């Protein structure tokens, strides 16, 4: 024996599913503020690159001075 649902239950179910889908879609379009995150990454990246560059220039300077000292003795 097959039990049929009333049409109002089907309509209510579809309405619920449709409303839920609209609410979820609306939440997915919410604005995300990335300004502070981007600023922090740029600041950290710049300071990191500056530190590495300074270290490389320092090492190059030490190498040149070492060559001059070595050349002075030999």
PDB file of N, CA and C in Angstrom:
ATOM      1  N   UNK A   1       0.827  -1.158   0.000  1.00  0.00           N
ATOM      2  CA  UNK A   1       0.000   0.000   0.000  1.00  0.00           C
ATOM      3  C   UNK A   1       0.887   1.242   0.000  1.00  0.00           C
ATOM      4  N   UNK A   2       0.676   2.127  -0.940  1.00  0.00           N
ATOM      5  CA  UNK A   2       1.480   3.324  -1.102  1.00  0.00           C
ATOM      6  C   UNK A   2       0.823   4.493  -0.374  1.00  0.00           C
ATOM      7  N   UNK A   3       1.634   5.191   0.444  1.00  0.00           N
ATOM      8  CA  UNK A   3       1.119   6.337   1.181  1.00  0.00           C
ATOM      9  C   UNK A   3       1.594   7.591   0.460  1.00  0.00           C
ATOM     10  N   UNK A   4       0.679   8.418   0.059  1.00  0.00           N
ATOM     11  CA  UNK A   4       1.037   9.638  -0.654  1.00  0.00           C
ATOM     12  C   UNK A   4       1.116  10.806   0.321  1.00  0.00           C
ATOM     13  N   UNK A   5       2.070  11.650   0.078  1.00  0.00           N
ATOM     14  CA  UNK A   5       2.197  12.839   0.907  1.00  0.00           C
ATOM     15  C   UNK A   5       1.212  13.893   0.427  1.00  0.00           C
ATOM     16  N   UNK A   6       0.853  14.721   1.341  1.00  0.00           N
ATOM     17  CA  UNK A   6      -0.035  15.810   0.974  1.00  0.00           C
ATOM     18  C   UNK A   6       0.766  16.847   0.183  1.00  0.00           C
ATOM     19  N   UNK A   7       0.148  17.532  -0.746  1.00  0.00           N
ATOM     20  CA  UNK A   7       0.870  18.536  -1.538  1.00  0.00           C
ATOM     21  C   UNK A   7       1.473  19.650  -0.683  1.00  0.00           C
ATOM     22  N   UNK A   8       0.833  19.988   0.423  1.00  0.00           N
ATOM     23  CA  UNK A   8       1.361  21.082   1.246  1.00  0.00           C
ATOM     24  C   UNK A   8       2.695  20.702   1.882  1.00  0.00           C
ATOM     25  N   UNK A   9       2.908  19.436   2.193  1.00  0.00           N
ATOM     26  CA  UNK A   9       4.174  18.994   2.772  1.00  0.00           C
ATOM     27  C   UNK A   9       5.283  19.121   1.731  1.00  0.00           C
ATOM     28  N   UNK A  10       4.995  18.756   0.481  1.00  0.00           N
ATOM     29  CA  UNK A  10       5.986  18.891  -0.581  1.00  0.00           C
ATOM     30  C   UNK A  10       6.348  20.352  -0.803  1.00  0.00           C
ATOM     31  N   UNK A  11       5.348  21.205  -0.802  1.00  0.00           N
ATOM     32  CA  UNK A  11       5.593  22.632  -1.023  1.00  0.00           C
ATOM     33  C   UNK A  11       6.403  23.214   0.132  1.00  0.00           C
ATOM     34  N   UNK A  12       6.073  22.823   1.353  1.00  0.00           N
ATOM     35  CA  UNK A  12       6.810  23.329   2.516  1.00  0.00           C
ATOM     36  C   UNK A  12       8.264  22.848   2.479  1.00  0.00           C
ATOM     37  N   UNK A  13       8.463  21.600   2.078  1.00  0.00           N
ATOM     38  CA  UNK A  13       9.819  21.061   1.983  1.00  0.00           C
ATOM     39  C   UNK A  13      10.640  21.795   0.942  1.00  0.00           C
ATOM     40  N   UNK A  14      10.053  22.047  -0.210  1.00  0.00           N
ATOM     41  CA  UNK A  14      10.755  22.781  -1.270  1.00  0.00           C
ATOM     42  C   UNK A  14      11.043  24.212  -0.836  1.00  0.00           C
ATOM     43  N   UNK A  15      10.101  24.808  -0.141  1.00  0.00           N
ATOM     44  CA  UNK A  15      10.301  26.179   0.342  1.00  0.00           C
ATOM     45  C   UNK A  15      11.449  26.226   1.334  1.00  0.00           C
ATOM     46  N   UNK A  16      11.499  25.245   2.217  1.00  0.00           N
ATOM     47  CA  UNK A  16      12.587  25.193   3.203  1.00  0.00           C
ATOM     48  C   UNK A  16      13.935  25.026   2.520  1.00  0.00           C
ATOM     49  N   UNK A  17      14.000  24.137   1.555  1.00  0.00           N
ATOM     50  CA  UNK A  17      15.256  23.896   0.842  1.00  0.00           C
ATOM     51  C   UNK A  17      15.665  25.149   0.071  1.00  0.00           C
ATOM     52  N   UNK A  18      14.725  25.777  -0.582  1.00  0.00           N
ATOM     53  CA  UNK A  18      15.025  26.994  -1.336  1.00  0.00           C
ATOM     54  C   UNK A  18      15.487  28.127  -0.443  1.00  0.00           C
ATOM     55  N   UNK A  19      14.816  28.306   0.684  1.00  0.00           N
ATOM     56  CA  UNK A  19      15.201  29.366   1.622  1.00  0.00           C
ATOM     57  C   UNK A  19      16.579  29.095   2.207  1.00  0.00           C
ATOM     58  N   UNK A  20      16.848  27.852   2.547  1.00  0.00           N
ATOM     59  CA  UNK A  20      18.166  27.489   3.080  1.00  0.00           C
ATOM     60  C   UNK A  20      19.260  27.771   2.051  1.00  0.00           C
ATOM     61  N   UNK A  21      19.000  27.434   0.805  1.00  0.00           N
ATOM     62  CA  UNK A  21      19.982  27.669  -0.250  1.00  0.00           C
ATOM     63  C   UNK A  21      20.252  29.158  -0.422  1.00  0.00           C
ATOM     64  N   UNK A  22      19.218  29.979  -0.327  1.00  0.00           N
ATOM     65  CA  UNK A  22      19.405  31.424  -0.447  1.00  0.00           C
ATOM     66  C   UNK A  22      20.229  31.981   0.713  1.00  0.00           C
ATOM     67  N   UNK A  23      19.972  31.498   1.912  1.00  0.00           N
ATOM     68  CA  UNK A  23      20.711  31.973   3.077  1.00  0.00           C
ATOM     69  C   UNK A  23      22.183  31.582   2.991  1.00  0.00           C
ATOM     70  N   UNK A  24      22.445  30.369   2.575  1.00  0.00           N
ATOM     71  CA  UNK A  24      23.828  29.906   2.452  1.00  0.00           C
ATOM     72  C   UNK A  24      24.541  30.676   1.344  1.00  0.00           C
ATOM     73  N   UNK A  25      23.853  30.913   0.229  1.00  0.00           N
ATOM     74  CA  UNK A  25      24.466  31.657  -0.875  1.00  0.00           C
ATOM     75  C   UNK A  25      24.753  33.090  -0.454  1.00  0.00           C
ATOM     76  N   UNK A  26      23.871  33.689   0.312  1.00  0.00           N
ATOM     77  CA  UNK A  26      24.098  35.049   0.789  1.00  0.00           C
ATOM     78  C   UNK A  26      25.294  35.128   1.715  1.00  0.00           C
ATOM     79  N   UNK A  27      25.471  34.142   2.567  1.00  0.00           N
ATOM     80  CA  UNK A  27      26.601  34.134   3.498  1.00  0.00           C
ATOM     81  C   UNK A  27      27.924  33.940   2.757  1.00  0.00           C
ATOM     82  N   UNK A  28      27.896  33.221   1.652  1.00  0.00           N
ATOM     83  CA  UNK A  28      29.134  32.988   0.916  1.00  0.00           C
ATOM     84  C   UNK A  28      29.593  34.237   0.175  1.00  0.00           C
ATOM     85  N   UNK A  29      28.720  35.217   0.014  1.00  0.00           N
ATOM     86  CA  UNK A  29      29.065  36.454  -0.679  1.00  0.00           C
ATOM     87  C   UNK A  29      29.474  37.565   0.285  1.00  0.00           C
ATOM     88  N   UNK A  30      29.628  37.236   1.547  1.00  0.00           N
ATOM     89  CA  UNK A  30      29.987  38.241   2.548  1.00  0.00           C
ATOM     90  C   UNK A  30      31.389  38.774   2.267  1.00  0.00           C
ATOM     91  N   UNK A  31      31.586  40.036   2.541  1.00  0.00           N
ATOM     92  CA  UNK A  31      32.885  40.674   2.307  1.00  0.00           C
ATOM     93  C   UNK A  31      33.902  40.189   3.338  1.00  0.00           C
ATOM     94  N   UNK A  32      35.103  39.933   2.872  1.00  0.00           N
ATOM     95  CA  UNK A  32      36.186  39.486   3.745  1.00  0.00           C
ATOM     96  C   UNK A  32      37.258  40.573   3.726  1.00  0.00           C
ATOM     97  N   UNK A  33      37.604  41.081   4.887  1.00  0.00           N
ATOM     98  CA  UNK A  33      38.608  42.135   4.987  1.00  0.00           C
ATOM     99  C   UNK A  33      40.001  41.515   5.037  1.00  0.00           C
ATOM    100  N   UNK A  34      40.765  41.721   3.994  1.00  0.00           N
ATOM    101  CA  UNK A  34      42.123  41.191   3.928  1.00  0.00           C
ATOM    102  C   UNK A  34      43.170  42.282   4.082  1.00  0.00           C
ATOM    103  N   UNK A  35      42.723  43.486   4.390  1.00  0.00           N
ATOM    104  CA  UNK A  35      43.646  44.615   4.484  1.00  0.00           C
ATOM    105  C   UNK A  35      44.713  44.427   5.540  1.00  0.00           C
ATOM    106  N   UNK A  36      44.313  44.031   6.741  1.00  0.00           N
ATOM    107  CA  UNK A  36      45.288  43.871   7.822  1.00  0.00           C
ATOM    108  C   UNK A  36      46.220  42.699   7.561  1.00  0.00           C
ATOM    109  N   UNK A  37      45.676  41.633   7.011  1.00  0.00           N
ATOM    110  CA  UNK A  37      46.509  40.460   6.705  1.00  0.00           C
ATOM    111  C   UNK A  37      47.540  40.799   5.634  1.00  0.00           C
ATOM    112  N   UNK A  38      47.104  41.482   4.595  1.00  0.00           N
ATOM    113  CA  UNK A  38      48.016  41.866   3.516  1.00  0.00           C
ATOM    114  C   UNK A  38      49.100  42.803   4.026  1.00  0.00           C
ATOM    115  N   UNK A  39      48.706  43.759   4.855  1.00  0.00           N
ATOM    116  CA  UNK A  39      49.679  44.697   5.411  1.00  0.00           C
ATOM    117  C   UNK A  39      50.723  43.967   6.252  1.00  0.00           C
ATOM    118  N   UNK A  40      50.278  43.023   7.064  1.00  0.00           N
ATOM    119  CA  UNK A  40      51.210  42.270   7.906  1.00  0.00           C
ATOM    120  C   UNK A  40      52.178  41.441   7.055  1.00  0.00           C
ATOM    121  N   UNK A  41      51.660  40.803   6.004  1.00  0.00           N
ATOM    122  CA  UNK A  41      52.528  39.998   5.144  1.00  0.00           C
ATOM    123  C   UNK A  41      53.533  40.853   4.399  1.00  0.00           C
ATOM    124  N   UNK A  42      53.101  42.012   3.920  1.00  0.00           N
ATOM    125  CA  UNK A  42      54.014  42.897   3.193  1.00  0.00           C
ATOM    126  C   UNK A  42      55.101  43.404   4.136  1.00  0.00           C
ATOM    127  N   UNK A  43      54.713  43.805   5.353  1.00  0.00           N
ATOM    128  CA  UNK A  43      55.690  44.306   6.318  1.00  0.00           C
ATOM    129  C   UNK A  43      56.687  43.211   6.700  1.00  0.00           C
ATOM    130  N   UNK A  44      56.189  42.012   6.978  1.00  0.00           N
ATOM    131  CA  UNK A  44      57.077  40.909   7.344  1.00  0.00           C
ATOM    132  C   UNK A  44      57.968  40.502   6.174  1.00  0.00           C
ATOM    133  N   UNK A  45      57.401  40.494   4.981  1.00  0.00           N
ATOM    134  CA  UNK A  45      58.179  40.137   3.798  1.00  0.00           C
ATOM    135  C   UNK A  45      59.273  41.139   3.514  1.00  0.00           C
ATOM    136  N   UNK A  46      58.935  42.419   3.658  1.00  0.00           N
ATOM    137  CA  UNK A  46      59.927  43.462   3.410  1.00  0.00           C
ATOM    138  C   UNK A  46      61.063  43.386   4.424  1.00  0.00           C
ATOM    139  N   UNK A  47      60.723  43.198   5.678  1.00  0.00           N
ATOM    140  CA  UNK A  47      61.782  43.117   6.693  1.00  0.00           C
ATOM    141  C   UNK A  47      62.633  41.865   6.498  1.00  0.00           C
ATOM    142  N   UNK A  48      62.026  40.771   6.079  1.00  0.00           N
ATOM    143  CA  UNK A  48      62.787  39.541   5.814  1.00  0.00           C
ATOM    144  C   UNK A  48      63.737  39.703   4.647  1.00  0.00           C
ATOM    145  N   UNK A  49      63.249  40.310   3.572  1.00  0.00           N
ATOM    146  CA  UNK A  49      64.098  40.526   2.386  1.00  0.00           C
ATOM    147  C   UNK A  49      65.229  41.499   2.722  1.00  0.00           C
ATOM    148  N   UNK A  50      64.917  42.517   3.497  1.00  0.00           N
ATOM    149  CA  UNK A  50      65.946  43.482   3.906  1.00  0.00           C
ATOM    150  C   UNK A  50      67.027  42.806   4.740  1.00  0.00           C
ATOM    151  N   UNK A  51      66.621  41.932   5.655  1.00  0.00           N
ATOM    152  CA  UNK A  51      67.590  41.229   6.498  1.00  0.00           C
ATOM    153  C   UNK A  51      68.495  40.326   5.661  1.00  0.00           C
ATOM    154  N   UNK A  52      67.932  39.611   4.714  1.00  0.00           N
ATOM    155  CA  UNK A  52      68.738  38.720   3.870  1.00  0.00           C
ATOM    156  C   UNK A  52      69.680  39.538   2.991  1.00  0.00           C
ATOM    157  N   UNK A  53      69.171  40.619   2.425  1.00  0.00           N
ATOM    158  CA  UNK A  53      70.018  41.478   1.586  1.00  0.00           C
ATOM    159  C   UNK A  53      71.177  42.064   2.364  1.00  0.00           C
ATOM    160  N   UNK A  54      70.899  42.520   3.578  1.00  0.00           N
ATOM    161  CA  UNK A  54      71.963  43.075   4.424  1.00  0.00           C
ATOM    162  C   UNK A  54      73.011  42.015   4.753  1.00  0.00           C
ATOM    163  N   UNK A  55      72.565  40.814   5.033  1.00  0.00           N
ATOM    164  CA  UNK A  55      73.503  39.730   5.341  1.00  0.00           C
ATOM    165  C   UNK A  55      74.385  39.407   4.131  1.00  0.00           C
ATOM    166  N   UNK A  56      73.784  39.389   2.938  1.00  0.00           N
ATOM    167  CA  UNK A  56      74.571  39.090   1.736  1.00  0.00           C
ATOM    168  C   UNK A  56      75.598  40.183   1.451  1.00  0.00           C
ATOM    169  N   UNK A  57      75.188  41.432   1.610  1.00  0.00           N
ATOM    170  CA  UNK A  57      76.127  42.532   1.374  1.00  0.00           C
ATOM    171  C   UNK A  57      77.259  42.494   2.402  1.00  0.00           C
ATOM    172  N   UNK A  58      76.920  42.178   3.646  1.00  0.00           N
ATOM    173  CA  UNK A  58      77.940  42.070   4.697  1.00  0.00           C
ATOM    174  C   UNK A  58      78.939  40.963   4.378  1.00  0.00           C
ATOM    175  N   UNK A  59      78.423  39.812   3.963  1.00  0.00           N
ATOM    176  CA  UNK A  59      79.316  38.702   3.603  1.00  0.00           C
ATOM    177  C   UNK A  59      80.202  39.057   2.418  1.00  0.00           C
ATOM    178  N   UNK A  60      79.648  39.767   1.431  1.00  0.00           N
ATOM    179  CA  UNK A  60      80.453  40.183   0.281  1.00  0.00           C
ATOM    180  C   UNK A  60      81.550  41.153   0.724  1.00  0.00           C
ATOM    181  N   UNK A  61      81.210  42.066   1.632  1.00  0.00           N
ATOM    182  CA  UNK A  61      82.204  42.997   2.155  1.00  0.00           C
ATOM    183  C   UNK A  61      83.309  42.286   2.901  1.00  0.00           C
ATOM    184  N   UNK A  62      82.948  41.299   3.699  1.00  0.00           N
ATOM    185  CA  UNK A  62      83.950  40.511   4.448  1.00  0.00           C
ATOM    186  C   UNK A  62      84.863  39.766   3.480  1.00  0.00           C
ATOM    187  N   UNK A  63      84.284  39.221   2.413  1.00  0.00           N
ATOM    188  CA  UNK A  63      85.084  38.488   1.430  1.00  0.00           C
ATOM    189  C   UNK A  63      86.081  39.417   0.742  1.00  0.00           C
ATOM    190  N   UNK A  64      85.665  40.636   0.421  1.00  0.00           N
ATOM    191  CA  UNK A  64      86.562  41.588  -0.245  1.00  0.00           C
ATOM    192  C   UNK A  64      87.697  41.993   0.697  1.00  0.00           C
ATOM    193  N   UNK A  65      87.359  42.276   1.940  1.00  0.00           N
ATOM    194  CA  UNK A  65      88.381  42.653   2.924  1.00  0.00           C
ATOM    195  C   UNK A  65      89.358  41.499   3.127  1.00  0.00           C
ATOM    196  N   UNK A  66      88.859  40.279   3.193  1.00  0.00           N
ATOM    197  CA  UNK A  66      89.720  39.104   3.353  1.00  0.00           C
ATOM    198  C   UNK A  66      90.671  38.989   2.168  1.00  0.00           C
ATOM    199  N   UNK A  67      90.181  39.247   0.953  1.00  0.00           N
ATOM    200  CA  UNK A  67      91.037  39.191  -0.237  1.00  0.00           C
ATOM    201  C   UNK A  67      92.128  40.252  -0.160  1.00  0.00           C
ATOM    202  N   UNK A  68      91.761  41.472   0.293  1.00  0.00           N
ATOM    203  CA  UNK A  68      92.749  42.536   0.386  1.00  0.00           C
ATOM    204  C   UNK A  68      93.841  42.182   1.409  1.00  0.00           C
ATOM    205  N   UNK A  69      93.406  41.639   2.544  1.00  0.00           N
ATOM    206  CA  UNK A  69      94.389  41.258   3.575  1.00  0.00           C
ATOM    207  C   UNK A  69      95.298  40.144   3.058  1.00  0.00           C
ATOM    208  N   UNK A  70      94.710  39.188   2.399  1.00  0.00           N
ATOM    209  CA  UNK A  70      95.467  38.070   1.850  1.00  0.00           C
ATOM    210  C   UNK A  70      96.456  38.581   0.784  1.00  0.00           C
ATOM    211  N   UNK A  71      96.009  39.503  -0.047  1.00  0.00           N
ATOM    212  CA  UNK A  71      96.879  40.047  -1.111  1.00  0.00           C
ATOM    213  C   UNK A  71      98.014  40.871  -0.510  1.00  0.00           C
ATOM    214  N   UNK A  72      97.772  41.473   0.649  1.00  0.00           N
ATOM    215  CA  UNK A  72      98.799  42.304   1.252  1.00  0.00           C
ATOM    216  C   UNK A  72      99.966  41.449   1.773  1.00  0.00           C
ATOM    217  N   UNK A  73      99.656  40.212   2.188  1.00  0.00           N
ATOM    218  CA  UNK A  73     100.700  39.347   2.729  1.00  0.00           C
ATOM    219  C   UNK A  73     101.446  38.546   1.656  1.00  0.00           C
ATOM    220  N   UNK A  74     100.769  38.280   0.540  1.00  0.00           N
ATOM    221  CA  UNK A  74     101.400  37.419  -0.454  1.00  0.00           C
ATOM    222  C   UNK A  74     101.711  38.146  -1.702  1.00  0.00           C
TER     223      UNK A  74
END
